[in-house]
Amino acid sequence: MESRVAVHTFLFADLAGFTALTEAMGDEPAADLAGEFCERVRELASGYEAEAIKTIGDAVMLRGTEPSRAVRLGVRIVGEVGGRHYWPTVRVGMHTGPATERGGDWFGTTVNVAARVSGLAGGGEVLLTAATREAAGDLDDVDVRDHGLHALRNVAEPLRLYAALRQGEHSLTGLPIDPVCRMAVDPARASGTLVYEGAEYTFCSLDCAGRFAAAPDRYAVGESSNHRGPPG
């Protein structure tokens, strides 16, 4: 009798723009925030048939046993952990397939691809491969949209990726992003705004506003007003 190969869904979640955050806040506050993020992700994982395998700086590697719940977990991590005032945006990437466990850690192509997919995600994005989309089946509370073909480093053929969002939403992060520290900012609680070359920028603090005013070309990232949903 032929045995079935076990498959797993691996997720990588991290803080988008963590380098900018560290520069703006300093090493210790940024490290504390990364620790809080990782702990919150661990708490959520247990409710979705997933476990946190390890942390790597500001990133958490998770393994899920049920692909549909893994997708829902990714959406919740980005929308709830990363979608609040004075918090960095979060990005998640995932892939489903076989892997090998050694000493509590996991290895193999599936893990590597999941990490690569995470690296392609922007702040506020949950990206998944076609393998995860197929394994997850119909998700009545999540919209899955084609994100196109992408070349991944050390992967022979481009992979088609999909973006997962809460049903009916256009993005998982709706708050403006401070261009200096990359924190999400509730406009009602912002310290101020500045307009540069026709684009409006929102700031979490007067310090960030002052840094931007002193060197706007360093921080300006595009033409869209408020800069919602920034790149990673």
C-alpha atoms as a PDB file:
ATOM      1  CA  MET A   1       0.000   0.000   0.000  1.00  0.00           C
ATOM      2  CA  GLU A   2       1.435   3.357  -1.053  1.00  0.00           C
ATOM      3  CA  SER A   3       1.904   5.797   1.830  1.00  0.00           C
ATOM      4  CA  ARG A   4       0.851   9.424   1.481  1.00  0.00           C
ATOM      5  CA  VAL A   5       3.480  12.131   1.857  1.00  0.00           C
ATOM      6  CA  ALA A   6       2.501  14.623   4.541  1.00  0.00           C
ATOM      7  CA  VAL A   7       2.197  18.221   3.387  1.00  0.00           C
ATOM      8  CA  HIS A   8       2.489  21.350   5.477  1.00  0.00           C
ATOM      9  CA  THR A   9       1.815  25.031   4.940  1.00  0.00           C
ATOM     10  CA  PHE A  10       4.716  27.238   5.982  1.00  0.00           C
ATOM     11  CA  LEU A  11       4.200  30.934   6.693  1.00  0.00           C
ATOM     12  CA  PHE A  12       6.760  33.669   7.180  1.00  0.00           C
ATOM     13  CA  ALA A  13       5.492  36.855   8.817  1.00  0.00           C
ATOM     14  CA  ASP A  14       7.621  39.913   9.430  1.00  0.00           C
ATOM     15  CA  LEU A  15       7.551  43.656   9.945  1.00  0.00           C
ATOM     16  CA  ALA A  16       7.783  45.621   6.696  1.00  0.00           C
ATOM     17  CA  GLY A  17      10.282  48.477   6.812  1.00  0.00           C
ATOM     18  CA  PHE A  18      11.997  47.213   9.964  1.00  0.00           C
ATOM     19  CA  THR A  19      15.336  48.764   8.978  1.00  0.00           C
ATOM     20  CA  ALA A  20      13.731  52.207   8.728  1.00  0.00           C
ATOM     21  CA  LEU A  21      11.958  51.623  12.023  1.00  0.00           C
ATOM     22  CA  THR A  22      15.241  50.734  13.757  1.00  0.00           C
ATOM     23  CA  GLU A  23      16.935  53.840  12.388  1.00  0.00           C
ATOM     24  CA  ALA A  24      14.086  56.088  13.539  1.00  0.00           C
ATOM     25  CA  MET A  25      13.443  54.512  16.969  1.00  0.00           C
ATOM     26  CA  GLY A  26      16.831  53.081  17.940  1.00  0.00           C
ATOM     27  CA  ASP A  27      17.907  49.473  18.385  1.00  0.00           C
ATOM     28  CA  GLU A  28      16.360  48.675  21.767  1.00  0.00           C
ATOM     29  CA  PRO A  29      12.835  50.050  21.182  1.00  0.00           C
ATOM     30  CA  ALA A  30      12.744  48.402  17.755  1.00  0.00           C
ATOM     31  CA  ALA A  31      13.897  45.088  19.226  1.00  0.00           C
ATOM     32  CA  ASP A  32      11.205  45.320  21.916  1.00  0.00           C
ATOM     33  CA  LEU A  33       8.567  45.935  19.267  1.00  0.00           C
ATOM     34  CA  ALA A  34       9.816  42.976  17.206  1.00  0.00           C
ATOM     35  CA  GLY A  35       9.606  40.791  20.299  1.00  0.00           C
ATOM     36  CA  GLU A  36       6.045  41.920  20.973  1.00  0.00           C
ATOM     37  CA  PHE A  37       5.130  41.182  17.360  1.00  0.00           C
ATOM     38  CA  CYS A  38       6.578  37.676  17.477  1.00  0.00           C
ATOM     39  CA  GLU A  39       4.795  36.913  20.743  1.00  0.00           C
ATOM     40  CA  ARG A  40       1.455  38.102  19.384  1.00  0.00           C
ATOM     41  CA  VAL A  41       1.865  35.932  16.279  1.00  0.00           C
ATOM     42  CA  ARG A  42       2.638  32.908  18.481  1.00  0.00           C
ATOM     43  CA  GLU A  43      -0.552  33.533  20.457  1.00  0.00           C
ATOM     44  CA  LEU A  44      -2.684  33.653  17.309  1.00  0.00           C
ATOM     45  CA  ALA A  45      -1.111  30.578  15.714  1.00  0.00           C
ATOM     46  CA  SER A  46      -2.462  28.060  18.220  1.00  0.00           C
ATOM     47  CA  GLY A  47      -6.036  28.890  17.257  1.00  0.00           C
ATOM     48  CA  TYR A  48      -5.387  28.059  13.600  1.00  0.00           C
ATOM     49  CA  GLU A  49      -3.790  24.605  13.825  1.00  0.00           C
ATOM     50  CA  ALA A  50      -0.363  26.201  13.434  1.00  0.00           C
ATOM     51  CA  GLU A  51       2.810  26.427  15.477  1.00  0.00           C
ATOM     52  CA  ALA A  52       5.583  28.972  15.580  1.00  0.00           C
ATOM     53  CA  ILE A  53       8.791  27.161  14.657  1.00  0.00           C
ATOM     54  CA  LYS A  54      11.307  29.937  15.258  1.00  0.00           C
ATOM     55  CA  THR A  55      11.946  33.660  15.134  1.00  0.00           C
ATOM     56  CA  ILE A  56      14.582  35.230  12.902  1.00  0.00           C
ATOM     57  CA  GLY A  57      15.030  38.850  13.927  1.00  0.00           C
ATOM     58  CA  ASP A  58      11.666  40.505  13.278  1.00  0.00           C
ATOM     59  CA  ALA A  59      10.316  37.474  11.365  1.00  0.00           C
ATOM     60  CA  VAL A  60       8.376  34.441  12.561  1.00  0.00           C
ATOM     61  CA  MET A  61       8.342  31.090  10.756  1.00  0.00           C
ATOM     62  CA  LEU A  62       5.151  29.076  11.276  1.00  0.00           C
ATOM     63  CA  ARG A  63       3.957  25.660  10.189  1.00  0.00           C
ATOM     64  CA  GLY A  64       0.268  25.001   9.593  1.00  0.00           C
ATOM     65  CA  THR A  65      -1.395  21.612   9.235  1.00  0.00           C
ATOM     66  CA  GLU A  66      -4.581  22.894   7.568  1.00  0.00           C
ATOM     67  CA  PRO A  67      -4.032  25.196   4.536  1.00  0.00           C
ATOM     68  CA  SER A  68      -7.365  27.063   4.730  1.00  0.00           C
ATOM     69  CA  ARG A  69      -6.744  27.939   8.361  1.00  0.00           C
ATOM     70  CA  ALA A  70      -3.186  28.970   7.516  1.00  0.00           C
ATOM     71  CA  VAL A  71      -4.529  31.461   4.962  1.00  0.00           C
ATOM     72  CA  ARG A  72      -7.006  32.837   7.495  1.00  0.00           C
ATOM     73  CA  LEU A  73      -4.184  33.110  10.029  1.00  0.00           C
ATOM     74  CA  GLY A  74      -2.065  35.098   7.574  1.00  0.00           C
ATOM     75  CA  VAL A  75      -4.925  37.491   6.887  1.00  0.00           C
ATOM     76  CA  ARG A  76      -5.515  37.977  10.595  1.00  0.00           C
ATOM     77  CA  ILE A  77      -1.847  38.594  11.346  1.00  0.00           C
ATOM     78  CA  VAL A  78      -1.630  41.310   8.700  1.00  0.00           C
ATOM     79  CA  GLY A  79      -5.016  42.873   9.395  1.00  0.00           C
ATOM     80  CA  GLU A  80      -5.071  42.802  13.187  1.00  0.00           C
ATOM     81  CA  VAL A  81      -1.476  42.726  14.365  1.00  0.00           C
ATOM     82  CA  GLY A  82      -0.237  45.057  11.640  1.00  0.00           C
ATOM     83  CA  GLY A  83      -3.322  47.155  10.981  1.00  0.00           C
ATOM     84  CA  ARG A  84      -3.284  49.428  14.003  1.00  0.00           C
ATOM     85  CA  HIS A  85      -2.070  52.882  14.961  1.00  0.00           C
ATOM     86  CA  TYR A  86       1.633  53.333  15.726  1.00  0.00           C
ATOM     87  CA  TRP A  87       2.585  49.890  14.535  1.00  0.00           C
ATOM     88  CA  PRO A  88       4.607  48.785  11.489  1.00  0.00           C
ATOM     89  CA  THR A  89       2.774  47.170   8.634  1.00  0.00           C
ATOM     90  CA  VAL A  90       3.175  43.401   8.439  1.00  0.00           C
ATOM     91  CA  ARG A  91       3.677  41.097   5.463  1.00  0.00           C
ATOM     92  CA  VAL A  92       3.113  37.356   5.109  1.00  0.00           C
ATOM     93  CA  GLY A  93       4.123  34.776   2.504  1.00  0.00           C
ATOM     94  CA  MET A  94       3.252  31.082   2.408  1.00  0.00           C
ATOM     95  CA  HIS A  95       3.633  27.861   0.440  1.00  0.00           C
ATOM     96  CA  THR A  96       2.304  24.326   0.838  1.00  0.00           C
ATOM     97  CA  GLY A  97       4.125  21.037   0.275  1.00  0.00           C
ATOM     98  CA  PRO A  98       6.307  18.350   1.874  1.00  0.00           C
ATOM     99  CA  ALA A  99       9.174  19.153   4.235  1.00  0.00           C
ATOM    100  CA  THR A 100      11.619  17.430   6.567  1.00  0.00           C
ATOM    101  CA  GLU A 101      11.824  17.955  10.322  1.00  0.00           C
ATOM    102  CA  ARG A 102      15.120  17.824  12.184  1.00  0.00           C
ATOM    103  CA  GLY A 103      15.515  18.765  15.835  1.00  0.00           C
ATOM    104  CA  GLY A 104      12.349  20.851  15.939  1.00  0.00           C
ATOM    105  CA  ASP A 105      13.195  22.812  12.781  1.00  0.00           C
ATOM    106  CA  TRP A 106      11.942  22.239   9.227  1.00  0.00           C
ATOM    107  CA  PHE A 107      13.848  22.085   5.952  1.00  0.00           C
ATOM    108  CA  GLY A 108      13.214  21.667   2.239  1.00  0.00           C
ATOM    109  CA  THR A 109      12.020  23.389  -0.898  1.00  0.00           C
ATOM    110  CA  THR A 110       8.598  24.172   0.555  1.00  0.00           C
ATOM    111  CA  VAL A 111      10.158  26.141   3.406  1.00  0.00           C
ATOM    112  CA  ASN A 112      12.536  27.964   1.063  1.00  0.00           C
ATOM    113  CA  VAL A 113       9.757  28.948  -1.340  1.00  0.00           C
ATOM    114  CA  ALA A 114       7.580  30.244   1.504  1.00  0.00           C
ATOM    115  CA  ALA A 115      10.459  32.471   2.639  1.00  0.00           C
ATOM    116  CA  ARG A 116      10.977  33.770  -0.913  1.00  0.00           C
ATOM    117  CA  VAL A 117       7.267  34.544  -1.291  1.00  0.00           C
ATOM    118  CA  SER A 118       7.325  36.499   1.960  1.00  0.00           C
ATOM    119  CA  GLY A 119      10.199  38.569   0.607  1.00  0.00           C
ATOM    120  CA  LEU A 120       8.069  39.576  -2.389  1.00  0.00           C
ATOM    121  CA  ALA A 121       5.143  40.768  -0.265  1.00  0.00           C
ATOM    122  CA  GLY A 122       4.713  44.437   0.463  1.00  0.00           C
ATOM    123  CA  GLY A 123       3.507  45.899   3.750  1.00  0.00           C
ATOM    124  CA  GLY A 124      -0.078  44.798   4.353  1.00  0.00           C
ATOM    125  CA  GLU A 125       0.047  41.897   1.887  1.00  0.00           C
ATOM    126  CA  VAL A 126      -0.589  38.186   2.312  1.00  0.00           C
ATOM    127  CA  LEU A 127       0.844  36.268  -0.651  1.00  0.00           C
ATOM    128  CA  LEU A 128       0.387  32.567  -1.304  1.00  0.00           C
ATOM    129  CA  THR A 129       1.413  30.167  -4.026  1.00  0.00           C
ATOM    130  CA  ALA A 130      -0.907  28.251  -6.327  1.00  0.00           C
ATOM    131  CA  ALA A 131      -0.172  25.140  -4.251  1.00  0.00           C
ATOM    132  CA  THR A 132      -1.543  26.813  -1.122  1.00  0.00           C
ATOM    133  CA  ARG A 133      -4.506  28.261  -2.954  1.00  0.00           C
ATOM    134  CA  GLU A 134      -5.461  24.842  -4.323  1.00  0.00           C
ATOM    135  CA  ALA A 135      -4.933  23.076  -1.002  1.00  0.00           C
ATOM    136  CA  ALA A 136      -7.003  25.675   0.879  1.00  0.00           C
ATOM    137  CA  GLY A 137     -10.084  25.112  -1.287  1.00  0.00           C
ATOM    138  CA  ASP A 138     -13.027  27.518  -1.154  1.00  0.00           C
ATOM    139  CA  LEU A 139     -12.719  30.246   1.477  1.00  0.00           C
ATOM    140  CA  ASP A 140     -16.060  31.906   2.057  1.00  0.00           C
ATOM    141  CA  ASP A 141     -14.604  34.702   4.203  1.00  0.00           C
ATOM    142  CA  VAL A 142     -11.413  35.415   2.215  1.00  0.00           C
ATOM    143  CA  ASP A 143     -10.970  36.837  -1.281  1.00  0.00           C
ATOM    144  CA  VAL A 144      -8.032  35.359  -3.200  1.00  0.00           C
ATOM    145  CA  ARG A 145      -6.851  37.451  -6.147  1.00  0.00           C
ATOM    146  CA  ASP A 146      -4.329  36.719  -8.876  1.00  0.00           C
ATOM    147  CA  HIS A 147      -1.032  38.485  -8.168  1.00  0.00           C
ATOM    148  CA  GLY A 148       0.709  37.388 -11.375  1.00  0.00           C
ATOM    149  CA  LEU A 149       3.797  35.355 -12.210  1.00  0.00           C
ATOM    150  CA  HIS A 150       6.924  36.034 -10.170  1.00  0.00           C
ATOM    151  CA  ALA A 151      10.502  34.855 -10.494  1.00  0.00           C
ATOM    152  CA  LEU A 152      11.918  33.643  -7.183  1.00  0.00           C
ATOM    153  CA  ARG A 153      15.617  33.437  -6.463  1.00  0.00           C
ATOM    154  CA  ASN A 154      16.962  29.894  -6.858  1.00  0.00           C
ATOM    155  CA  VAL A 155      13.599  28.634  -8.149  1.00  0.00           C
ATOM    156  CA  ALA A 156      13.801  27.417 -11.752  1.00  0.00           C
ATOM    157  CA  GLU A 157      10.390  28.513 -13.041  1.00  0.00           C
ATOM    158  CA  PRO A 158       8.296  31.599 -12.200  1.00  0.00           C
ATOM    159  CA  LEU A 159       5.465  30.893  -9.778  1.00  0.00           C
ATOM    160  CA  ARG A 160       1.949  32.277  -9.907  1.00  0.00           C
ATOM    161  CA  LEU A 161       1.123  34.023  -6.660  1.00  0.00           C
ATOM    162  CA  TYR A 162      -2.180  35.089  -5.134  1.00  0.00           C
ATOM    163  CA  ALA A 163      -3.073  37.805  -2.639  1.00  0.00           C
ATOM    164  CA  ALA A 164      -5.475  36.969   0.179  1.00  0.00           C
ATOM    165  CA  LEU A 165      -7.753  39.628   1.658  1.00  0.00           C
ATOM    166  CA  ARG A 166     -10.729  39.709   3.952  1.00  0.00           C
ATOM    167  CA  GLN A 167     -13.823  39.348   1.831  1.00  0.00           C
ATOM    168  CA  GLY A 168     -14.950  42.667   0.381  1.00  0.00           C
ATOM    169  CA  GLU A 169     -11.803  44.608   1.309  1.00  0.00           C
ATOM    170  CA  HIS A 170      -9.384  46.207  -1.138  1.00  0.00           C
ATOM    171  CA  SER A 171      -6.389  46.101   1.192  1.00  0.00           C
ATOM    172  CA  LEU A 172      -5.599  44.845   4.676  1.00  0.00           C
ATOM    173  CA  THR A 173      -3.999  48.064   5.820  1.00  0.00           C
ATOM    174  CA  GLY A 174      -6.003  51.244   5.388  1.00  0.00           C
ATOM    175  CA  LEU A 175      -3.965  53.636   7.522  1.00  0.00           C
ATOM    176  CA  PRO A 176      -1.432  56.126   6.160  1.00  0.00           C
ATOM    177  CA  ILE A 177       2.206  55.187   6.697  1.00  0.00           C
ATOM    178  CA  ASP A 178       4.737  57.530   8.266  1.00  0.00           C
ATOM    179  CA  PRO A 179       7.463  57.685   5.560  1.00  0.00           C
ATOM    180  CA  VAL A 180      10.272  58.030   8.124  1.00  0.00           C
ATOM    181  CA  CYS A 181       9.642  55.251  10.673  1.00  0.00           C
ATOM    182  CA  ARG A 182       7.179  53.258   8.490  1.00  0.00           C
ATOM    183  CA  MET A 183       4.608  53.126  11.293  1.00  0.00           C
ATOM    184  CA  ALA A 184       0.886  53.083  10.480  1.00  0.00           C
ATOM    185  CA  VAL A 185      -0.753  56.300  11.676  1.00  0.00           C
ATOM    186  CA  ASP A 186      -4.380  56.946  12.535  1.00  0.00           C
ATOM    187  CA  PRO A 187      -5.045  60.390  10.966  1.00  0.00           C
ATOM    188  CA  ALA A 188      -7.072  61.393  14.020  1.00  0.00           C
ATOM    189  CA  ARG A 189      -4.026  60.765  16.221  1.00  0.00           C
ATOM    190  CA  ALA A 190      -1.319  62.015  13.853  1.00  0.00           C
ATOM    191  CA  SER A 191       1.177  64.652  14.945  1.00  0.00           C
ATOM    192  CA  GLY A 192       0.857  66.413  11.614  1.00  0.00           C
ATOM    193  CA  THR A 193       0.972  66.198   7.826  1.00  0.00           C
ATOM    194  CA  LEU A 194       3.183  67.694   5.144  1.00  0.00           C
ATOM    195  CA  VAL A 195       2.683  68.021   1.409  1.00  0.00           C
ATOM    196  CA  TYR A 196       5.677  67.417  -0.830  1.00  0.00           C
ATOM    197  CA  GLU A 197       5.515  67.470  -4.636  1.00  0.00           C
ATOM    198  CA  GLY A 198       1.748  67.096  -4.550  1.00  0.00           C
ATOM    199  CA  ALA A 199       1.666  64.116  -2.164  1.00  0.00           C
ATOM    200  CA  GLU A 200       0.493  64.271   1.435  1.00  0.00           C
ATOM    201  CA  TYR A 201       2.537  62.549   4.159  1.00  0.00           C
ATOM    202  CA  THR A 202       1.255  61.757   7.648  1.00  0.00           C
ATOM    203  CA  PHE A 203       3.535  61.581  10.699  1.00  0.00           C
ATOM    204  CA  CYS A 204       3.384  59.772  14.013  1.00  0.00           C
ATOM    205  CA  SER A 205       5.568  62.349  15.776  1.00  0.00           C
ATOM    206  CA  LEU A 206       7.061  65.791  15.368  1.00  0.00           C
ATOM    207  CA  ASP A 207      10.490  64.135  15.276  1.00  0.00           C
ATOM    208  CA  CYS A 208       9.550  62.149  12.157  1.00  0.00           C
ATOM    209  CA  ALA A 209       8.005  65.257  10.583  1.00  0.00           C
ATOM    210  CA  GLY A 210      11.207  67.180  11.261  1.00  0.00           C
ATOM    211  CA  ARG A 211      13.378  64.469   9.727  1.00  0.00           C
ATOM    212  CA  PHE A 212      11.196  64.427   6.627  1.00  0.00           C
ATOM    213  CA  ALA A 213      11.242  68.230   6.304  1.00  0.00           C
ATOM    214  CA  ALA A 214      15.047  68.218   6.527  1.00  0.00           C
ATOM    215  CA  ALA A 215      15.502  65.649   3.736  1.00  0.00           C
ATOM    216  CA  PRO A 216      12.227  64.988   1.891  1.00  0.00           C
ATOM    217  CA  ASP A 217      13.855  63.328  -1.124  1.00  0.00           C
ATOM    218  CA  ARG A 218      15.215  60.634   1.187  1.00  0.00           C
ATOM    219  CA  TYR A 219      11.775  59.595   2.387  1.00  0.00           C
ATOM    220  CA  ALA A 220       9.343  60.426  -0.417  1.00  0.00           C
ATOM    221  CA  VAL A 221       8.142  57.150  -1.906  1.00  0.00           C
ATOM    222  CA  GLY A 222       5.649  57.979  -4.634  1.00  0.00           C
ATOM    223  CA  GLU A 223       2.727  60.022  -5.766  1.00  0.00           C
ATOM    224  CA  SER A 224      -0.208  58.383  -3.956  1.00  0.00           C
ATOM    225  CA  SER A 225      -1.702  60.581  -1.238  1.00  0.00           C
ATOM    226  CA  ASN A 226      -1.283  59.295   2.336  1.00  0.00           C
ATOM    227  CA  HIS A 227       0.807  56.321   1.115  1.00  0.00           C
ATOM    228  CA  ARG A 228      -1.516  53.604   2.285  1.00  0.00           C
ATOM    229  CA  GLY A 229      -0.219  50.062   2.013  1.00  0.00           C
ATOM    230  CA  PRO A 230       3.531  50.741   1.484  1.00  0.00           C
ATOM    231  CA  PRO A 231       6.032  48.535  -0.212  1.00  0.00           C
ATOM    232  CA  GLY A 232       8.079  46.275   2.041  1.00  0.00           C
END
